[in-house]
Amino acid sequence: MALADLAELVAEHETGTNLVELSAKRVSRVYHALYHTHIPHLEDADLVVYNQTNDHISTTDRTNPSLVRARDNIESLIKAGSATPA
């Protein structure tokens, strides 16, 4: 996926609006946050690979298993929290 496309999707999700309603400035801020902060962290964790030449992000073999583990951990925390008496 192109980083610009990801930035658009993230901006839509963050704001709860569709792309045509978003300002170019908002999408640009998300793009720069992804480029400078989030993508490097995800690369360090071996969850994505970023190809700067074509501005493309790809998942790795570790991405899906890591997401499954994260989801399972979150579900366990939610269940443990709901089991706690008020």
C-alpha atoms as a PDB file:
ATOM      1  CA  MET A   1       0.000   0.000   0.000  1.00  0.00           C
ATOM      2  CA  ALA A   2       1.247   3.479  -0.751  1.00  0.00           C
ATOM      3  CA  LEU A   3       2.044   5.550   2.331  1.00  0.00           C
ATOM      4  CA  ALA A   4      -0.145   8.359   0.981  1.00  0.00           C
ATOM      5  CA  ASP A   5      -3.112   5.956   0.752  1.00  0.00           C
ATOM      6  CA  LEU A   6      -2.493   4.779   4.311  1.00  0.00           C
ATOM      7  CA  ALA A   7      -2.358   8.387   5.509  1.00  0.00           C
ATOM      8  CA  GLU A   8      -5.742   9.035   3.916  1.00  0.00           C
ATOM      9  CA  LEU A   9      -7.264   5.948   5.555  1.00  0.00           C
ATOM     10  CA  VAL A  10      -5.848   6.842   8.970  1.00  0.00           C
ATOM     11  CA  ALA A  11      -7.057  10.447   8.690  1.00  0.00           C
ATOM     12  CA  GLU A  12     -10.540   9.216   7.763  1.00  0.00           C
ATOM     13  CA  HIS A  13     -10.562   6.847  10.728  1.00  0.00           C
ATOM     14  CA  GLU A  14      -9.250   9.447  13.177  1.00  0.00           C
ATOM     15  CA  THR A  15     -11.811  12.043  12.191  1.00  0.00           C
ATOM     16  CA  GLY A  16     -14.747   9.804  11.374  1.00  0.00           C
ATOM     17  CA  THR A  17     -15.203  11.602   8.074  1.00  0.00           C
ATOM     18  CA  ASN A  18     -14.625  10.662   4.480  1.00  0.00           C
ATOM     19  CA  LEU A  19     -11.679  11.815   2.425  1.00  0.00           C
ATOM     20  CA  VAL A  20     -13.523  14.504   0.476  1.00  0.00           C
ATOM     21  CA  GLU A  21     -14.320  16.268   3.758  1.00  0.00           C
ATOM     22  CA  LEU A  22     -10.714  16.228   5.013  1.00  0.00           C
ATOM     23  CA  SER A  23      -8.281  19.056   4.460  1.00  0.00           C
ATOM     24  CA  ALA A  24      -5.032  18.361   2.660  1.00  0.00           C
ATOM     25  CA  LYS A  25      -3.266  19.761   5.742  1.00  0.00           C
ATOM     26  CA  ARG A  26      -4.848  17.102   7.978  1.00  0.00           C
ATOM     27  CA  VAL A  27      -3.823  14.268   5.648  1.00  0.00           C
ATOM     28  CA  SER A  28      -0.332  15.755   5.367  1.00  0.00           C
ATOM     29  CA  ARG A  29       0.054  15.808   9.172  1.00  0.00           C
ATOM     30  CA  VAL A  30      -0.958  12.145   9.341  1.00  0.00           C
ATOM     31  CA  TYR A  31       1.434  11.282   6.495  1.00  0.00           C
ATOM     32  CA  HIS A  32       4.347  12.940   8.282  1.00  0.00           C
ATOM     33  CA  ALA A  33       3.495  11.288  11.609  1.00  0.00           C
ATOM     34  CA  LEU A  34       3.413   7.900   9.895  1.00  0.00           C
ATOM     35  CA  TYR A  35       6.634   8.564   7.978  1.00  0.00           C
ATOM     36  CA  HIS A  36       8.673   9.959  10.858  1.00  0.00           C
ATOM     37  CA  THR A  37       7.279   8.049  13.849  1.00  0.00           C
ATOM     38  CA  HIS A  38       4.915   5.136  13.338  1.00  0.00           C
ATOM     39  CA  ILE A  39       6.367   3.382  10.294  1.00  0.00           C
ATOM     40  CA  PRO A  40       9.919   3.351  11.749  1.00  0.00           C
ATOM     41  CA  HIS A  41       8.568   1.769  14.961  1.00  0.00           C
ATOM     42  CA  LEU A  42       6.636  -0.824  12.991  1.00  0.00           C
ATOM     43  CA  GLU A  43       9.749  -1.564  10.925  1.00  0.00           C
ATOM     44  CA  ASP A  44      11.815  -1.947  14.104  1.00  0.00           C
ATOM     45  CA  ALA A  45       9.249  -4.491  15.319  1.00  0.00           C
ATOM     46  CA  ASP A  46       9.504  -6.306  11.954  1.00  0.00           C
ATOM     47  CA  LEU A  47       5.796  -5.779  11.321  1.00  0.00           C
ATOM     48  CA  VAL A  48       6.115  -3.754   8.106  1.00  0.00           C
ATOM     49  CA  VAL A  49       8.681  -2.975   5.444  1.00  0.00           C
ATOM     50  CA  TYR A  50       8.794   0.518   3.991  1.00  0.00           C
ATOM     51  CA  ASN A  51      10.288   1.041   0.536  1.00  0.00           C
ATOM     52  CA  GLN A  52      11.150   4.716   0.322  1.00  0.00           C
ATOM     53  CA  THR A  53      11.864   4.572  -3.415  1.00  0.00           C
ATOM     54  CA  ASN A  54       8.249   3.808  -4.284  1.00  0.00           C
ATOM     55  CA  ASP A  55       6.730   5.088  -0.988  1.00  0.00           C
ATOM     56  CA  HIS A  56       5.175   1.665  -0.381  1.00  0.00           C
ATOM     57  CA  ILE A  57       4.466  -0.211   2.857  1.00  0.00           C
ATOM     58  CA  SER A  58       4.235  -3.999   2.983  1.00  0.00           C
ATOM     59  CA  THR A  59       3.442  -6.388   5.790  1.00  0.00           C
ATOM     60  CA  THR A  60       5.883  -9.068   6.907  1.00  0.00           C
ATOM     61  CA  ASP A  61       5.451 -12.708   7.925  1.00  0.00           C
ATOM     62  CA  ARG A  62       5.199 -11.495  11.533  1.00  0.00           C
ATOM     63  CA  THR A  63       2.355  -9.024  10.979  1.00  0.00           C
ATOM     64  CA  ASN A  64      -0.678 -11.305  11.147  1.00  0.00           C
ATOM     65  CA  PRO A  65       0.493 -13.487  14.080  1.00  0.00           C
ATOM     66  CA  SER A  66       1.399 -10.341  16.033  1.00  0.00           C
ATOM     67  CA  LEU A  67      -2.017  -8.812  15.412  1.00  0.00           C
ATOM     68  CA  VAL A  68      -3.734 -12.030  16.471  1.00  0.00           C
ATOM     69  CA  ARG A  69      -1.685 -12.101  19.708  1.00  0.00           C
ATOM     70  CA  ALA A  70      -2.477  -8.440  20.379  1.00  0.00           C
ATOM     71  CA  ARG A  71      -6.202  -9.029  19.824  1.00  0.00           C
ATOM     72  CA  ASP A  72      -6.154 -12.077  22.121  1.00  0.00           C
ATOM     73  CA  ASN A  73      -4.326 -10.113  24.826  1.00  0.00           C
ATOM     74  CA  ILE A  74      -6.793  -7.241  24.601  1.00  0.00           C
ATOM     75  CA  GLU A  75      -9.746  -9.619  24.774  1.00  0.00           C
ATOM     76  CA  SER A  76      -8.222 -11.276  27.872  1.00  0.00           C
ATOM     77  CA  LEU A  77      -7.759  -7.881  29.532  1.00  0.00           C
ATOM     78  CA  ILE A  78     -11.348  -6.920  28.748  1.00  0.00           C
ATOM     79  CA  LYS A  79     -12.659 -10.198  30.140  1.00  0.00           C
ATOM     80  CA  ALA A  80     -10.525  -9.861  33.272  1.00  0.00           C
ATOM     81  CA  GLY A  81     -11.783  -6.299  33.743  1.00  0.00           C
ATOM     82  CA  SER A  82     -15.423  -7.294  33.361  1.00  0.00           C
ATOM     83  CA  ALA A  83     -14.950 -10.110  35.897  1.00  0.00           C
ATOM     84  CA  THR A  84     -13.802  -7.639  38.579  1.00  0.00           C
ATOM     85  CA  PRO A  85     -16.590  -6.841  41.050  1.00  0.00           C
ATOM     86  CA  ALA A  86     -17.700  -3.210  41.127  1.00  0.00           C
END
